[in-house]
Amino acid sequence: AQDSNGKSNTKTIPVTIRIDNIPPVVDSVTAEADRLKIRFSATGHDNESGLKHFKYTITSTQDTILEGIPEDKRTGTFTLGQTVEIVTTPTGDRDETTYTITATATDNADNVSTNKTADVTAIDGITVAEAKQLVNEENYPHYIGTRIIDYNPDNSGIVWRVFYCEDSNNYFGDGEGTIYLKRDIVSNDTCLSVHQEHSSSDELKIMRQLNPMWRDSPLTLGNITTLSGKLVSWLCDPNEWKELNVEGVTKYAVGAAPIEMWLRAYSNWVSHRGQTDVSITCAIEDRGNGRNCWILLAA
């Protein structure tokens, strides 16, 4: 530099040029789900130029074309300390969809790391409390099959779903608005014949309550007259299924849904779907020699 008198001075400033060709590192990718909402983040480091951002992509072997992920969220970038949140939508004939989050890191010299992944499972369902609030006599066909995500009484992991809601006629005796849950079918090697001498602990109270047509039929008068009746009394005995009942949450549990409830739930479900020409009812028929049986009647 030079002033107006012609005097000059110089100063040397050292400059170090560093070439960064070392890629950053993704230390971890963490992903979690709150029902249909998924969240993920990542940690990483770069000892040279520093981290610029992470880049993510989402894939799924179930939702292969990512219908359940908003189009603008299927890939993107985020920074260290940021959590990405995406609300998914159910796709396909399932209530669980697993997504794989793949993340890479880019540093300020545009070097890119190798990737790390994390899986996260979005679940379509409601809680017991939400079911009590949402499901009623009018709308329950819409909720038939809806997964209850916080009911797992025996810690088996087997899914329970909304099955039926009692109407104002209180046909099954548990009170208007009572919601009945049904567990998903699993392989079961129980042989009913071993219960042919079963003696109901509640004197057939629940069996009669859940089978009004059998209870009121002049052919049965609500009494067990056959071997099959003994076996059904075991299925309908709450004392035999206590491990599936949660005190304060459910009233009782039995081993199978009664046929009349099946048909009522099915008829309401198909009607809700617009299939008004489908009607199935049941009746008890006398087969002679003291043998009575259920028959299905399609209209």
C-alpha atoms as a PDB file:
ATOM      1  CA  ALA A   1       0.000   0.000   0.000  1.00  0.00           C
ATOM      2  CA  GLN A   2       1.196   3.555  -0.706  1.00  0.00           C
ATOM      3  CA  ASP A   3       0.109   6.862   0.878  1.00  0.00           C
ATOM      4  CA  SER A   4      -0.016  10.364  -0.701  1.00  0.00           C
ATOM      5  CA  ASN A   5       3.602  11.040   0.263  1.00  0.00           C
ATOM      6  CA  GLY A   6       4.792   8.050  -1.682  1.00  0.00           C
ATOM      7  CA  LYS A   7       5.514   5.953   1.346  1.00  0.00           C
ATOM      8  CA  SER A   8       4.604   2.283   0.960  1.00  0.00           C
ATOM      9  CA  ASN A   9       4.371  -0.778   3.135  1.00  0.00           C
ATOM     10  CA  THR A  10       3.605  -4.425   2.582  1.00  0.00           C
ATOM     11  CA  LYS A  11       2.239  -7.181   4.729  1.00  0.00           C
ATOM     12  CA  THR A  12       2.342 -10.869   3.991  1.00  0.00           C
ATOM     13  CA  ILE A  13      -0.661 -12.961   4.952  1.00  0.00           C
ATOM     14  CA  PRO A  14      -0.132 -16.715   4.799  1.00  0.00           C
ATOM     15  CA  VAL A  15      -2.868 -18.651   2.983  1.00  0.00           C
ATOM     16  CA  THR A  16      -3.165 -22.389   3.295  1.00  0.00           C
ATOM     17  CA  ILE A  17      -4.998 -24.209   0.525  1.00  0.00           C
ATOM     18  CA  ARG A  18      -6.358 -27.538   1.638  1.00  0.00           C
ATOM     19  CA  ILE A  19      -7.757 -30.030  -0.817  1.00  0.00           C
ATOM     20  CA  ASP A  20     -10.589 -32.048   0.702  1.00  0.00           C
ATOM     21  CA  ASN A  21     -11.059 -35.317  -1.111  1.00  0.00           C
ATOM     22  CA  ILE A  22     -12.035 -37.326   1.953  1.00  0.00           C
ATOM     23  CA  PRO A  23     -15.755 -38.164   2.053  1.00  0.00           C
ATOM     24  CA  PRO A  24     -17.783 -37.572   5.199  1.00  0.00           C
ATOM     25  CA  VAL A  25     -19.199 -40.382   7.344  1.00  0.00           C
ATOM     26  CA  VAL A  26     -22.796 -41.175   8.262  1.00  0.00           C
ATOM     27  CA  ASP A  27     -22.612 -42.436  11.837  1.00  0.00           C
ATOM     28  CA  SER A  28     -26.236 -43.476  12.242  1.00  0.00           C
ATOM     29  CA  VAL A  29     -29.728 -43.233  10.807  1.00  0.00           C
ATOM     30  CA  THR A  30     -32.614 -43.343  13.285  1.00  0.00           C
ATOM     31  CA  ALA A  31     -36.219 -43.878  12.244  1.00  0.00           C
ATOM     32  CA  GLU A  32     -39.438 -44.280  14.215  1.00  0.00           C
ATOM     33  CA  ALA A  33     -43.166 -44.310  13.536  1.00  0.00           C
ATOM     34  CA  ASP A  34     -46.229 -42.987  15.309  1.00  0.00           C
ATOM     35  CA  ARG A  35     -48.900 -44.933  13.469  1.00  0.00           C
ATOM     36  CA  LEU A  36     -48.928 -43.479   9.920  1.00  0.00           C
ATOM     37  CA  LYS A  37     -46.426 -40.736  10.698  1.00  0.00           C
ATOM     38  CA  ILE A  38     -42.746 -41.606  10.223  1.00  0.00           C
ATOM     39  CA  ARG A  39     -39.790 -39.588  11.480  1.00  0.00           C
ATOM     40  CA  PHE A  40     -36.090 -39.984  10.808  1.00  0.00           C
ATOM     41  CA  SER A  41     -32.794 -38.212  11.380  1.00  0.00           C
ATOM     42  CA  ALA A  42     -29.087 -38.920  10.988  1.00  0.00           C
ATOM     43  CA  THR A  43     -25.769 -38.179  12.622  1.00  0.00           C
ATOM     44  CA  GLY A  44     -22.401 -37.907  10.890  1.00  0.00           C
ATOM     45  CA  HIS A  45     -19.098 -36.085  10.759  1.00  0.00           C
ATOM     46  CA  ASP A  46     -16.501 -34.651   8.395  1.00  0.00           C
ATOM     47  CA  ASN A  47     -13.051 -33.712   9.665  1.00  0.00           C
ATOM     48  CA  GLU A  48     -12.060 -31.654   6.628  1.00  0.00           C
ATOM     49  CA  SER A  49     -14.468 -29.136   5.105  1.00  0.00           C
ATOM     50  CA  GLY A  50     -17.434 -29.987   7.361  1.00  0.00           C
ATOM     51  CA  LEU A  51     -20.876 -31.445   6.727  1.00  0.00           C
ATOM     52  CA  LYS A  52     -23.171 -29.675   4.296  1.00  0.00           C
ATOM     53  CA  HIS A  53     -26.270 -31.896   4.466  1.00  0.00           C
ATOM     54  CA  PHE A  54     -27.683 -35.407   4.325  1.00  0.00           C
ATOM     55  CA  LYS A  55     -29.596 -36.758   1.363  1.00  0.00           C
ATOM     56  CA  TYR A  56     -32.273 -39.436   1.807  1.00  0.00           C
ATOM     57  CA  THR A  57     -34.246 -41.772  -0.404  1.00  0.00           C
ATOM     58  CA  ILE A  58     -37.175 -44.003   0.569  1.00  0.00           C
ATOM     59  CA  THR A  59     -37.874 -47.494  -0.761  1.00  0.00           C
ATOM     60  CA  SER A  60     -40.234 -50.311   0.161  1.00  0.00           C
ATOM     61  CA  THR A  61     -40.648 -53.915  -0.912  1.00  0.00           C
ATOM     62  CA  GLN A  62     -44.367 -53.662  -0.045  1.00  0.00           C
ATOM     63  CA  ASP A  63     -45.226 -50.221  -1.420  1.00  0.00           C
ATOM     64  CA  THR A  64     -42.876 -50.527  -4.375  1.00  0.00           C
ATOM     65  CA  ILE A  65     -44.086 -47.398  -6.197  1.00  0.00           C
ATOM     66  CA  LEU A  66     -44.329 -45.403  -2.954  1.00  0.00           C
ATOM     67  CA  GLU A  67     -48.033 -44.641  -3.208  1.00  0.00           C
ATOM     68  CA  GLY A  68     -48.081 -44.133   0.545  1.00  0.00           C
ATOM     69  CA  ILE A  69     -45.402 -41.418   0.483  1.00  0.00           C
ATOM     70  CA  PRO A  70     -46.199 -37.884  -0.803  1.00  0.00           C
ATOM     71  CA  GLU A  71     -44.419 -37.382  -4.113  1.00  0.00           C
ATOM     72  CA  ASP A  72     -42.384 -34.432  -2.865  1.00  0.00           C
ATOM     73  CA  LYS A  73     -41.177 -36.412   0.179  1.00  0.00           C
ATOM     74  CA  ARG A  74     -39.823 -39.537  -1.524  1.00  0.00           C
ATOM     75  CA  THR A  75     -36.324 -38.072  -1.630  1.00  0.00           C
ATOM     76  CA  GLY A  76     -34.815 -34.947  -0.150  1.00  0.00           C
ATOM     77  CA  THR A  77     -32.124 -33.342   1.996  1.00  0.00           C
ATOM     78  CA  PHE A  78     -31.845 -32.407   5.654  1.00  0.00           C
ATOM     79  CA  THR A  79     -29.161 -31.108   7.966  1.00  0.00           C
ATOM     80  CA  LEU A  80     -27.485 -32.393  11.092  1.00  0.00           C
ATOM     81  CA  GLY A  81     -29.905 -32.098  14.006  1.00  0.00           C
ATOM     82  CA  GLN A  82     -32.974 -31.901  11.764  1.00  0.00           C
ATOM     83  CA  THR A  83     -35.762 -34.512  11.904  1.00  0.00           C
ATOM     84  CA  VAL A  84     -37.729 -35.303   8.756  1.00  0.00           C
ATOM     85  CA  GLU A  85     -41.422 -36.014   9.368  1.00  0.00           C
ATOM     86  CA  ILE A  86     -43.691 -37.622   6.763  1.00  0.00           C
ATOM     87  CA  VAL A  87     -47.358 -38.595   7.053  1.00  0.00           C
ATOM     88  CA  THR A  88     -47.944 -41.754   5.024  1.00  0.00           C
ATOM     89  CA  THR A  89     -51.225 -43.081   3.685  1.00  0.00           C
ATOM     90  CA  PRO A  90     -52.339 -46.745   3.758  1.00  0.00           C
ATOM     91  CA  THR A  91     -51.841 -48.656   0.532  1.00  0.00           C
ATOM     92  CA  GLY A  92     -52.710 -52.169  -0.517  1.00  0.00           C
ATOM     93  CA  ASP A  93     -54.608 -54.738   1.500  1.00  0.00           C
ATOM     94  CA  ARG A  94     -52.546 -54.351   4.672  1.00  0.00           C
ATOM     95  CA  ASP A  95     -52.332 -52.174   7.754  1.00  0.00           C
ATOM     96  CA  GLU A  96     -48.534 -52.275   8.115  1.00  0.00           C
ATOM     97  CA  THR A  97     -46.031 -50.962   5.573  1.00  0.00           C
ATOM     98  CA  THR A  98     -42.283 -51.022   6.124  1.00  0.00           C
ATOM     99  CA  TYR A  99     -40.144 -48.357   4.490  1.00  0.00           C
ATOM    100  CA  THR A 100     -36.354 -48.264   4.223  1.00  0.00           C
ATOM    101  CA  ILE A 101     -34.683 -44.889   4.735  1.00  0.00           C
ATOM    102  CA  THR A 102     -31.296 -44.639   2.977  1.00  0.00           C
ATOM    103  CA  ALA A 103     -29.114 -41.653   3.851  1.00  0.00           C
ATOM    104  CA  THR A 104     -25.804 -40.309   2.558  1.00  0.00           C
ATOM    105  CA  ALA A 105     -23.832 -37.282   3.769  1.00  0.00           C
ATOM    106  CA  THR A 106     -22.330 -34.517   1.604  1.00  0.00           C
ATOM    107  CA  ASP A 107     -19.552 -32.252   2.842  1.00  0.00           C
ATOM    108  CA  ASN A 108     -18.740 -28.681   1.831  1.00  0.00           C
ATOM    109  CA  ALA A 109     -16.370 -29.948  -0.859  1.00  0.00           C
ATOM    110  CA  ASP A 110     -19.240 -31.996  -2.298  1.00  0.00           C
ATOM    111  CA  ASN A 111     -17.716 -35.335  -1.334  1.00  0.00           C
ATOM    112  CA  VAL A 112     -20.411 -37.950  -0.732  1.00  0.00           C
ATOM    113  CA  SER A 113     -20.314 -40.682   1.899  1.00  0.00           C
ATOM    114  CA  THR A 114     -21.336 -44.287   1.650  1.00  0.00           C
ATOM    115  CA  ASN A 115     -24.926 -44.852   2.761  1.00  0.00           C
ATOM    116  CA  LYS A 116     -26.569 -46.129   5.883  1.00  0.00           C
ATOM    117  CA  THR A 117     -30.138 -47.358   6.219  1.00  0.00           C
ATOM    118  CA  ALA A 118     -32.906 -47.751   8.767  1.00  0.00           C
ATOM    119  CA  ASP A 119     -36.289 -49.453   8.496  1.00  0.00           C
ATOM    120  CA  VAL A 120     -39.509 -47.980   9.845  1.00  0.00           C
ATOM    121  CA  THR A 121     -43.017 -49.463   9.851  1.00  0.00           C
ATOM    122  CA  ALA A 122     -46.110 -47.286   9.460  1.00  0.00           C
ATOM    123  CA  ILE A 123     -49.214 -48.787  11.074  1.00  0.00           C
ATOM    124  CA  ASP A 124     -52.802 -47.969  10.139  1.00  0.00           C
ATOM    125  CA  GLY A 125     -54.935 -48.280  13.266  1.00  0.00           C
ATOM    126  CA  ILE A 126     -56.538 -46.642  16.291  1.00  0.00           C
ATOM    127  CA  THR A 127     -56.213 -47.003  20.044  1.00  0.00           C
ATOM    128  CA  VAL A 128     -58.834 -48.458  22.381  1.00  0.00           C
ATOM    129  CA  ALA A 129     -59.601 -44.948  23.633  1.00  0.00           C
ATOM    130  CA  GLU A 130     -60.024 -43.668  20.074  1.00  0.00           C
ATOM    131  CA  ALA A 131     -62.286 -46.599  19.212  1.00  0.00           C
ATOM    132  CA  LYS A 132     -64.545 -45.726  22.156  1.00  0.00           C
ATOM    133  CA  GLN A 133     -64.662 -42.135  20.973  1.00  0.00           C
ATOM    134  CA  LEU A 134     -65.047 -42.745  17.229  1.00  0.00           C
ATOM    135  CA  VAL A 135     -67.017 -45.955  16.709  1.00  0.00           C
ATOM    136  CA  ASN A 136     -70.788 -45.980  17.107  1.00  0.00           C
ATOM    137  CA  GLU A 137     -73.880 -47.816  15.898  1.00  0.00           C
ATOM    138  CA  GLU A 138     -74.202 -45.677  12.790  1.00  0.00           C
ATOM    139  CA  ASN A 139     -70.622 -45.690  11.511  1.00  0.00           C
ATOM    140  CA  TYR A 140     -69.140 -48.944  12.793  1.00  0.00           C
ATOM    141  CA  PRO A 141     -69.301 -50.744   9.406  1.00  0.00           C
ATOM    142  CA  HIS A 142     -66.687 -48.212   8.250  1.00  0.00           C
ATOM    143  CA  TYR A 143     -64.418 -49.348  11.099  1.00  0.00           C
ATOM    144  CA  ILE A 144     -64.894 -53.118  10.743  1.00  0.00           C
ATOM    145  CA  GLY A 145     -61.414 -54.588  10.414  1.00  0.00           C
ATOM    146  CA  THR A 146     -59.690 -51.484  11.797  1.00  0.00           C
ATOM    147  CA  ARG A 147     -56.655 -52.479  13.814  1.00  0.00           C
ATOM    148  CA  ILE A 148     -56.519 -51.707  17.538  1.00  0.00           C
ATOM    149  CA  ILE A 149     -52.877 -50.830  18.017  1.00  0.00           C
ATOM    150  CA  ASP A 150     -52.652 -50.860  21.815  1.00  0.00           C
ATOM    151  CA  TYR A 151     -54.545 -54.043  22.730  1.00  0.00           C
ATOM    152  CA  ASN A 152     -52.224 -57.003  23.225  1.00  0.00           C
ATOM    153  CA  PRO A 153     -53.473 -58.740  26.387  1.00  0.00           C
ATOM    154  CA  ASP A 154     -51.373 -61.915  26.155  1.00  0.00           C
ATOM    155  CA  ASN A 155     -48.300 -60.224  24.624  1.00  0.00           C
ATOM    156  CA  SER A 156     -48.588 -62.509  21.620  1.00  0.00           C
ATOM    157  CA  GLY A 157     -48.459 -59.688  19.089  1.00  0.00           C
ATOM    158  CA  ILE A 158     -51.570 -61.066  17.367  1.00  0.00           C
ATOM    159  CA  VAL A 159     -53.667 -58.211  15.988  1.00  0.00           C
ATOM    160  CA  TRP A 160     -57.121 -57.310  17.332  1.00  0.00           C
ATOM    161  CA  ARG A 161     -59.659 -55.456  15.179  1.00  0.00           C
ATOM    162  CA  VAL A 162     -63.037 -53.759  15.432  1.00  0.00           C
ATOM    163  CA  PHE A 163     -65.699 -56.381  14.702  1.00  0.00           C
ATOM    164  CA  TYR A 164     -69.127 -55.184  15.829  1.00  0.00           C
ATOM    165  CA  CYS A 165     -70.885 -52.377  17.713  1.00  0.00           C
ATOM    166  CA  GLU A 166     -74.050 -53.015  19.704  1.00  0.00           C
ATOM    167  CA  ASP A 167     -77.120 -51.150  18.519  1.00  0.00           C
ATOM    168  CA  SER A 168     -79.938 -49.504  20.453  1.00  0.00           C
ATOM    169  CA  ASN A 169     -81.812 -52.807  20.645  1.00  0.00           C
ATOM    170  CA  ASN A 170     -79.009 -54.199  22.822  1.00  0.00           C
ATOM    171  CA  TYR A 171     -79.382 -57.537  21.034  1.00  0.00           C
ATOM    172  CA  PHE A 172     -76.307 -59.138  22.619  1.00  0.00           C
ATOM    173  CA  GLY A 173     -76.960 -57.713  26.060  1.00  0.00           C
ATOM    174  CA  ASP A 174     -73.819 -55.671  26.737  1.00  0.00           C
ATOM    175  CA  GLY A 175     -75.392 -52.268  26.230  1.00  0.00           C
ATOM    176  CA  GLU A 176     -75.802 -49.878  23.313  1.00  0.00           C
ATOM    177  CA  GLY A 177     -72.463 -48.731  21.905  1.00  0.00           C
ATOM    178  CA  THR A 178     -70.492 -51.717  23.194  1.00  0.00           C
ATOM    179  CA  ILE A 179     -67.630 -52.387  20.796  1.00  0.00           C
ATOM    180  CA  TYR A 180     -66.644 -56.001  20.180  1.00  0.00           C
ATOM    181  CA  LEU A 181     -63.100 -56.803  19.086  1.00  0.00           C
ATOM    182  CA  LYS A 182     -61.976 -59.899  17.234  1.00  0.00           C
ATOM    183  CA  ARG A 183     -58.477 -61.317  17.083  1.00  0.00           C
ATOM    184  CA  ASP A 184     -56.883 -62.224  13.758  1.00  0.00           C
ATOM    185  CA  ILE A 185     -57.073 -65.899  12.897  1.00  0.00           C
ATOM    186  CA  VAL A 186     -53.922 -67.884  13.616  1.00  0.00           C
ATOM    187  CA  SER A 187     -53.112 -71.577  13.385  1.00  0.00           C
ATOM    188  CA  ASN A 188     -54.670 -73.344  16.351  1.00  0.00           C
ATOM    189  CA  ASP A 189     -54.162 -76.968  17.220  1.00  0.00           C
ATOM    190  CA  THR A 190     -56.732 -77.000  20.029  1.00  0.00           C
ATOM    191  CA  CYS A 191     -58.875 -80.115  19.814  1.00  0.00           C
ATOM    192  CA  LEU A 192     -62.412 -79.231  20.894  1.00  0.00           C
ATOM    193  CA  SER A 193     -63.225 -82.843  21.744  1.00  0.00           C
ATOM    194  CA  VAL A 194     -61.113 -82.629  24.894  1.00  0.00           C
ATOM    195  CA  HIS A 195     -63.705 -80.215  26.281  1.00  0.00           C
ATOM    196  CA  GLN A 196     -66.735 -82.466  25.816  1.00  0.00           C
ATOM    197  CA  GLU A 197     -67.244 -82.676  29.582  1.00  0.00           C
ATOM    198  CA  HIS A 198     -66.893 -78.943  30.116  1.00  0.00           C
ATOM    199  CA  SER A 199     -69.025 -77.426  32.872  1.00  0.00           C
ATOM    200  CA  SER A 200     -69.590 -73.704  32.342  1.00  0.00           C
ATOM    201  CA  SER A 201     -68.276 -71.583  35.210  1.00  0.00           C
ATOM    202  CA  ASP A 202     -70.989 -68.951  34.668  1.00  0.00           C
ATOM    203  CA  GLU A 203     -73.849 -71.427  34.194  1.00  0.00           C
ATOM    204  CA  LEU A 204     -74.117 -70.564  30.481  1.00  0.00           C
ATOM    205  CA  LYS A 205     -74.843 -66.889  31.165  1.00  0.00           C
ATOM    206  CA  ILE A 206     -72.586 -65.515  28.425  1.00  0.00           C
ATOM    207  CA  MET A 207     -73.407 -68.369  26.053  1.00  0.00           C
ATOM    208  CA  ARG A 208     -77.116 -67.538  26.329  1.00  0.00           C
ATOM    209  CA  GLN A 209     -76.436 -63.807  26.123  1.00  0.00           C
ATOM    210  CA  LEU A 210     -74.361 -64.027  22.942  1.00  0.00           C
ATOM    211  CA  ASN A 211     -76.643 -66.532  21.215  1.00  0.00           C
ATOM    212  CA  PRO A 212     -80.148 -65.068  21.588  1.00  0.00           C
ATOM    213  CA  MET A 213     -81.680 -67.196  18.865  1.00  0.00           C
ATOM    214  CA  TRP A 214     -80.388 -70.410  20.451  1.00  0.00           C
ATOM    215  CA  ARG A 215     -81.425 -69.162  23.898  1.00  0.00           C
ATOM    216  CA  ASP A 216     -84.979 -68.363  22.812  1.00  0.00           C
ATOM    217  CA  SER A 217     -85.565 -71.279  20.439  1.00  0.00           C
ATOM    218  CA  PRO A 218     -88.288 -73.717  21.520  1.00  0.00           C
ATOM    219  CA  LEU A 219     -85.994 -76.434  20.200  1.00  0.00           C
ATOM    220  CA  THR A 220     -83.305 -75.702  22.782  1.00  0.00           C
ATOM    221  CA  LEU A 221     -84.736 -73.346  25.445  1.00  0.00           C
ATOM    222  CA  GLY A 222     -81.155 -72.274  25.993  1.00  0.00           C
ATOM    223  CA  ASN A 223     -80.124 -75.664  27.303  1.00  0.00           C
ATOM    224  CA  ILE A 224     -77.267 -77.890  26.198  1.00  0.00           C
ATOM    225  CA  THR A 225     -78.597 -81.098  24.712  1.00  0.00           C
ATOM    226  CA  THR A 226     -75.752 -82.131  22.411  1.00  0.00           C
ATOM    227  CA  LEU A 227     -72.002 -82.708  22.493  1.00  0.00           C
ATOM    228  CA  SER A 228     -71.452 -79.702  20.268  1.00  0.00           C
ATOM    229  CA  GLY A 229     -73.308 -77.628  22.833  1.00  0.00           C
ATOM    230  CA  LYS A 230     -70.783 -78.691  25.469  1.00  0.00           C
ATOM    231  CA  LEU A 231     -67.939 -77.611  23.226  1.00  0.00           C
ATOM    232  CA  VAL A 232     -69.572 -74.248  22.515  1.00  0.00           C
ATOM    233  CA  SER A 233     -70.081 -73.748  26.251  1.00  0.00           C
ATOM    234  CA  TRP A 234     -66.306 -73.979  26.628  1.00  0.00           C
ATOM    235  CA  LEU A 235     -65.783 -71.394  23.887  1.00  0.00           C
ATOM    236  CA  CYS A 236     -68.298 -69.085  25.560  1.00  0.00           C
ATOM    237  CA  ASP A 237     -66.963 -69.474  29.104  1.00  0.00           C
ATOM    238  CA  PRO A 238     -65.122 -66.238  30.080  1.00  0.00           C
ATOM    239  CA  ASN A 239     -63.246 -68.103  32.805  1.00  0.00           C
ATOM    240  CA  GLU A 240     -61.441 -70.076  30.092  1.00  0.00           C
ATOM    241  CA  TRP A 241     -60.198 -66.921  28.334  1.00  0.00           C
ATOM    242  CA  LYS A 242     -59.154 -64.660  31.199  1.00  0.00           C
ATOM    243  CA  GLU A 243     -55.703 -64.104  29.687  1.00  0.00           C
ATOM    244  CA  LEU A 244     -57.370 -62.240  26.806  1.00  0.00           C
ATOM    245  CA  ASN A 245     -59.327 -59.895  29.061  1.00  0.00           C
ATOM    246  CA  VAL A 246     -57.816 -56.700  30.437  1.00  0.00           C
ATOM    247  CA  GLU A 247     -59.503 -55.410  33.558  1.00  0.00           C
ATOM    248  CA  GLY A 248     -60.680 -51.848  33.152  1.00  0.00           C
ATOM    249  CA  VAL A 249     -60.426 -52.061  29.370  1.00  0.00           C
ATOM    250  CA  THR A 250     -62.607 -54.985  28.333  1.00  0.00           C
ATOM    251  CA  LYS A 251     -65.605 -56.612  30.038  1.00  0.00           C
ATOM    252  CA  TYR A 252     -64.894 -60.247  29.170  1.00  0.00           C
ATOM    253  CA  ALA A 253     -63.358 -62.447  26.480  1.00  0.00           C
ATOM    254  CA  VAL A 254     -64.645 -65.610  24.829  1.00  0.00           C
ATOM    255  CA  GLY A 255     -63.074 -68.056  22.409  1.00  0.00           C
ATOM    256  CA  ALA A 256     -65.082 -67.270  19.280  1.00  0.00           C
ATOM    257  CA  ALA A 257     -67.566 -64.763  17.896  1.00  0.00           C
ATOM    258  CA  PRO A 258     -71.145 -66.108  17.819  1.00  0.00           C
ATOM    259  CA  ILE A 259     -72.691 -66.843  14.445  1.00  0.00           C
ATOM    260  CA  GLU A 260     -75.401 -64.230  14.895  1.00  0.00           C
ATOM    261  CA  MET A 261     -72.803 -61.515  15.484  1.00  0.00           C
ATOM    262  CA  TRP A 262     -70.846 -62.691  12.435  1.00  0.00           C
ATOM    263  CA  LEU A 263     -73.931 -62.345  10.244  1.00  0.00           C
ATOM    264  CA  ARG A 264     -74.972 -58.990  11.664  1.00  0.00           C
ATOM    265  CA  ALA A 265     -71.464 -57.594  11.183  1.00  0.00           C
ATOM    266  CA  TYR A 266     -71.234 -59.016   7.654  1.00  0.00           C
ATOM    267  CA  SER A 267     -74.662 -57.735   6.606  1.00  0.00           C
ATOM    268  CA  ASN A 268     -73.891 -54.231   7.850  1.00  0.00           C
ATOM    269  CA  TRP A 269     -70.446 -54.310   6.241  1.00  0.00           C
ATOM    270  CA  VAL A 270     -71.717 -55.251   2.771  1.00  0.00           C
ATOM    271  CA  SER A 271     -74.586 -52.756   3.072  1.00  0.00           C
ATOM    272  CA  HIS A 272     -72.057 -50.029   3.914  1.00  0.00           C
ATOM    273  CA  ARG A 273     -70.201 -50.971   0.728  1.00  0.00           C
ATOM    274  CA  GLY A 274     -73.379 -50.528  -1.320  1.00  0.00           C
ATOM    275  CA  GLN A 275     -74.185 -54.233  -1.794  1.00  0.00           C
ATOM    276  CA  THR A 276     -77.823 -53.974  -0.748  1.00  0.00           C
ATOM    277  CA  ASP A 277     -78.795 -57.193  -2.525  1.00  0.00           C
ATOM    278  CA  VAL A 278     -76.842 -59.386  -0.083  1.00  0.00           C
ATOM    279  CA  SER A 279     -78.664 -60.725   2.952  1.00  0.00           C
ATOM    280  CA  ILE A 280     -77.759 -63.737   5.063  1.00  0.00           C
ATOM    281  CA  THR A 281     -79.646 -64.855   8.138  1.00  0.00           C
ATOM    282  CA  CYS A 282     -79.579 -68.000  10.253  1.00  0.00           C
ATOM    283  CA  ALA A 283     -82.002 -70.347  11.937  1.00  0.00           C
ATOM    284  CA  ILE A 284     -81.987 -73.433  14.134  1.00  0.00           C
ATOM    285  CA  GLU A 285     -83.293 -76.589  12.524  1.00  0.00           C
ATOM    286  CA  ASP A 286     -84.454 -79.796  14.135  1.00  0.00           C
ATOM    287  CA  ARG A 287     -82.568 -82.728  12.599  1.00  0.00           C
ATOM    288  CA  GLY A 288     -84.382 -85.342  14.663  1.00  0.00           C
ATOM    289  CA  ASN A 289     -83.147 -87.620  17.456  1.00  0.00           C
ATOM    290  CA  GLY A 290     -82.598 -84.574  19.661  1.00  0.00           C
ATOM    291  CA  ARG A 291     -80.143 -83.040  17.213  1.00  0.00           C
ATOM    292  CA  ASN A 292     -80.433 -79.363  16.397  1.00  0.00           C
ATOM    293  CA  CYS A 293     -78.170 -77.342  14.130  1.00  0.00           C
ATOM    294  CA  TRP A 294     -77.642 -73.856  12.770  1.00  0.00           C
ATOM    295  CA  ILE A 295     -78.441 -73.300   9.116  1.00  0.00           C
ATOM    296  CA  LEU A 296     -77.608 -70.235   7.000  1.00  0.00           C
ATOM    297  CA  LEU A 297     -80.300 -68.658   4.873  1.00  0.00           C
ATOM    298  CA  ALA A 298     -79.325 -66.467   1.933  1.00  0.00           C
ATOM    299  CA  ALA A 299     -81.866 -64.046   0.537  1.00  0.00           C
END
